[in-house]
Amino acid sequence: MNKIYKVFFILLFSFIFAGCSQSIHEQLQENNWTITSTSGSSYSADFSETTISFEQGIFQTGMPYTIKDDQLIMSDPKNAEEIFYEIREEGDEIKLIPVEEKYGTLILSVDNNE
């Protein structure tokens, strides 16, 4: 009987902790981000529900995005191209690793200045 109770409590706490974890989409929206690219540039970004806003100095631009499974998909409005990134959480950072090699890896860290 004790084994049944132990298994029940383990399953119960597993579901509670799984339900408390924040989705990557929510995490992106709740923070302002500093992005460093392996191509050498850095800028800030803000995620709304459907749009990423980038800012570098006085220049600003936006891009629609979606998240499916473990991928972030940005739609480039200039040429109607979709850009696919694999999402990896590493400590306090989020890495966006491009599916195509022509794009650099983006490293997102929370912007504590905002």
C-alpha atoms as a PDB file:
ATOM      1  CA  MET A   1       0.000   0.000   0.000  1.00  0.00           C
ATOM      2  CA  ASN A   2       2.892   2.369   0.773  1.00  0.00           C
ATOM      3  CA  LYS A   3       4.280   1.851  -2.712  1.00  0.00           C
ATOM      4  CA  ILE A   4       0.983   2.941  -4.257  1.00  0.00           C
ATOM      5  CA  TYR A   5       0.984   6.146  -2.176  1.00  0.00           C
ATOM      6  CA  LYS A   6       4.608   6.885  -3.085  1.00  0.00           C
ATOM      7  CA  VAL A   7       3.931   6.416  -6.798  1.00  0.00           C
ATOM      8  CA  PHE A   8       0.795   8.567  -6.546  1.00  0.00           C
ATOM      9  CA  PHE A   9       2.661  11.429  -4.816  1.00  0.00           C
ATOM     10  CA  ILE A  10       5.558  11.256  -7.238  1.00  0.00           C
ATOM     11  CA  LEU A  11       3.156  11.484 -10.183  1.00  0.00           C
ATOM     12  CA  LEU A  12       1.186  14.279  -8.515  1.00  0.00           C
ATOM     13  CA  PHE A  13       4.278  16.412  -7.872  1.00  0.00           C
ATOM     14  CA  SER A  14       5.590  15.739 -11.385  1.00  0.00           C
ATOM     15  CA  PHE A  15       2.381  17.113 -12.879  1.00  0.00           C
ATOM     16  CA  ILE A  16       2.410  20.112 -10.536  1.00  0.00           C
ATOM     17  CA  PHE A  17       5.991  21.025 -11.426  1.00  0.00           C
ATOM     18  CA  ALA A  18       5.397  20.462 -15.130  1.00  0.00           C
ATOM     19  CA  GLY A  19       2.362  22.750 -14.992  1.00  0.00           C
ATOM     20  CA  CYS A  20       4.369  25.490 -13.262  1.00  0.00           C
ATOM     21  CA  SER A  21       7.070  25.658 -15.895  1.00  0.00           C
ATOM     22  CA  GLN A  22       6.883  28.625 -18.208  1.00  0.00           C
ATOM     23  CA  SER A  23       6.625  28.091 -21.946  1.00  0.00           C
ATOM     24  CA  ILE A  24       9.385  29.517 -24.124  1.00  0.00           C
ATOM     25  CA  HIS A  25       6.806  31.752 -25.827  1.00  0.00           C
ATOM     26  CA  GLU A  26       5.773  33.268 -22.474  1.00  0.00           C
ATOM     27  CA  GLN A  27       9.388  33.639 -21.414  1.00  0.00           C
ATOM     28  CA  LEU A  28      10.265  35.517 -24.611  1.00  0.00           C
ATOM     29  CA  GLN A  29       7.304  37.882 -24.211  1.00  0.00           C
ATOM     30  CA  GLU A  30       7.931  38.680 -20.545  1.00  0.00           C
ATOM     31  CA  ASN A  31      11.482  39.967 -21.005  1.00  0.00           C
ATOM     32  CA  ASN A  32      13.383  42.503 -23.039  1.00  0.00           C
ATOM     33  CA  TRP A  33      16.362  40.834 -24.667  1.00  0.00           C
ATOM     34  CA  THR A  34      19.890  41.692 -25.695  1.00  0.00           C
ATOM     35  CA  ILE A  35      20.825  39.654 -28.749  1.00  0.00           C
ATOM     36  CA  THR A  36      24.383  38.873 -29.723  1.00  0.00           C
ATOM     37  CA  SER A  37      24.888  37.240 -33.090  1.00  0.00           C
ATOM     38  CA  THR A  38      27.812  35.030 -34.059  1.00  0.00           C
ATOM     39  CA  SER A  39      28.019  37.227 -37.158  1.00  0.00           C
ATOM     40  CA  GLY A  40      29.295  39.999 -34.867  1.00  0.00           C
ATOM     41  CA  SER A  41      26.312  42.304 -34.375  1.00  0.00           C
ATOM     42  CA  SER A  42      24.310  42.998 -31.246  1.00  0.00           C
ATOM     43  CA  TYR A  43      20.963  44.670 -30.703  1.00  0.00           C
ATOM     44  CA  SER A  44      17.943  44.602 -28.438  1.00  0.00           C
ATOM     45  CA  ALA A  45      14.701  42.764 -29.087  1.00  0.00           C
ATOM     46  CA  ASP A  46      11.194  42.708 -27.702  1.00  0.00           C
ATOM     47  CA  PHE A  47       8.767  39.862 -28.400  1.00  0.00           C
ATOM     48  CA  SER A  48       5.039  40.494 -28.583  1.00  0.00           C
ATOM     49  CA  GLU A  49       2.610  37.653 -29.190  1.00  0.00           C
ATOM     50  CA  THR A  50       3.282  37.595 -32.956  1.00  0.00           C
ATOM     51  CA  THR A  51       6.049  40.131 -33.707  1.00  0.00           C
ATOM     52  CA  ILE A  52       9.720  40.570 -32.808  1.00  0.00           C
ATOM     53  CA  SER A  53      10.846  44.205 -32.651  1.00  0.00           C
ATOM     54  CA  PHE A  54      14.577  44.762 -33.134  1.00  0.00           C
ATOM     55  CA  GLU A  55      16.429  47.948 -32.206  1.00  0.00           C
ATOM     56  CA  GLN A  56      20.039  48.840 -32.944  1.00  0.00           C
ATOM     57  CA  GLY A  57      20.898  52.448 -32.192  1.00  0.00           C
ATOM     58  CA  ILE A  58      18.318  54.582 -33.989  1.00  0.00           C
ATOM     59  CA  PHE A  59      17.280  51.811 -36.359  1.00  0.00           C
ATOM     60  CA  GLN A  60      14.167  49.764 -35.614  1.00  0.00           C
ATOM     61  CA  THR A  61      12.474  46.966 -37.515  1.00  0.00           C
ATOM     62  CA  GLY A  62       9.935  44.268 -36.841  1.00  0.00           C
ATOM     63  CA  MET A  63       9.319  40.769 -38.062  1.00  0.00           C
ATOM     64  CA  PRO A  64       6.399  38.353 -37.552  1.00  0.00           C
ATOM     65  CA  TYR A  65       7.258  35.056 -35.896  1.00  0.00           C
ATOM     66  CA  THR A  66       5.715  31.824 -34.690  1.00  0.00           C
ATOM     67  CA  ILE A  67       6.930  29.030 -32.453  1.00  0.00           C
ATOM     68  CA  LYS A  68       6.232  25.434 -33.409  1.00  0.00           C
ATOM     69  CA  ASP A  69       7.676  22.561 -31.416  1.00  0.00           C
ATOM     70  CA  ASP A  70      11.253  23.635 -30.626  1.00  0.00           C
ATOM     71  CA  GLN A  71      11.590  26.034 -33.557  1.00  0.00           C
ATOM     72  CA  LEU A  72      11.195  29.774 -33.889  1.00  0.00           C
ATOM     73  CA  ILE A  73      10.132  30.737 -37.406  1.00  0.00           C
ATOM     74  CA  MET A  74      10.629  34.351 -38.500  1.00  0.00           C
ATOM     75  CA  SER A  75       9.070  35.724 -41.671  1.00  0.00           C
ATOM     76  CA  ASP A  76      11.299  38.242 -43.424  1.00  0.00           C
ATOM     77  CA  PRO A  77       8.924  40.885 -44.849  1.00  0.00           C
ATOM     78  CA  LYS A  78      11.505  42.084 -47.397  1.00  0.00           C
ATOM     79  CA  ASN A  79      11.554  38.881 -49.416  1.00  0.00           C
ATOM     80  CA  ALA A  80       8.744  36.764 -47.884  1.00  0.00           C
ATOM     81  CA  GLU A  81      11.344  34.204 -46.761  1.00  0.00           C
ATOM     82  CA  GLU A  82      10.888  32.109 -43.628  1.00  0.00           C
ATOM     83  CA  ILE A  83      13.920  31.741 -41.383  1.00  0.00           C
ATOM     84  CA  PHE A  84      13.989  28.714 -39.071  1.00  0.00           C
ATOM     85  CA  TYR A  85      15.859  28.618 -35.764  1.00  0.00           C
ATOM     86  CA  GLU A  86      16.144  25.739 -33.306  1.00  0.00           C
ATOM     87  CA  ILE A  87      15.498  26.966 -29.742  1.00  0.00           C
ATOM     88  CA  ARG A  88      17.874  25.848 -26.976  1.00  0.00           C
ATOM     89  CA  GLU A  89      17.787  27.078 -23.398  1.00  0.00           C
ATOM     90  CA  GLU A  90      21.226  27.153 -21.816  1.00  0.00           C
ATOM     91  CA  GLY A  91      21.249  28.516 -18.281  1.00  0.00           C
ATOM     92  CA  ASP A  92      20.035  32.118 -18.305  1.00  0.00           C
ATOM     93  CA  GLU A  93      20.397  32.390 -22.080  1.00  0.00           C
ATOM     94  CA  ILE A  94      18.363  31.224 -25.025  1.00  0.00           C
ATOM     95  CA  LYS A  95      20.234  30.206 -28.169  1.00  0.00           C
ATOM     96  CA  LEU A  96      18.557  30.361 -31.557  1.00  0.00           C
ATOM     97  CA  ILE A  97      20.506  28.097 -33.874  1.00  0.00           C
ATOM     98  CA  PRO A  98      19.752  28.576 -37.576  1.00  0.00           C
ATOM     99  CA  VAL A  99      18.692  25.638 -39.695  1.00  0.00           C
ATOM    100  CA  GLU A 100      20.483  27.230 -42.675  1.00  0.00           C
ATOM    101  CA  GLU A 101      24.165  28.053 -42.270  1.00  0.00           C
ATOM    102  CA  LYS A 102      23.871  31.455 -43.962  1.00  0.00           C
ATOM    103  CA  TYR A 103      22.391  32.891 -40.742  1.00  0.00           C
ATOM    104  CA  GLY A 104      24.319  33.282 -37.514  1.00  0.00           C
ATOM    105  CA  THR A 105      23.403  31.831 -34.152  1.00  0.00           C
ATOM    106  CA  LEU A 106      21.551  34.328 -31.965  1.00  0.00           C
ATOM    107  CA  ILE A 107      22.257  34.380 -28.236  1.00  0.00           C
ATOM    108  CA  LEU A 108      19.492  36.007 -26.200  1.00  0.00           C
ATOM    109  CA  SER A 109      20.132  37.263 -22.692  1.00  0.00           C
ATOM    110  CA  VAL A 110      17.709  39.211 -20.510  1.00  0.00           C
ATOM    111  CA  ASP A 111      18.250  42.968 -20.770  1.00  0.00           C
ATOM    112  CA  ASN A 112      18.371  44.070 -17.125  1.00  0.00           C
ATOM    113  CA  ASN A 113      18.551  47.772 -18.082  1.00  0.00           C
ATOM    114  CA  GLU A 114      14.881  47.917 -19.112  1.00  0.00           C
END
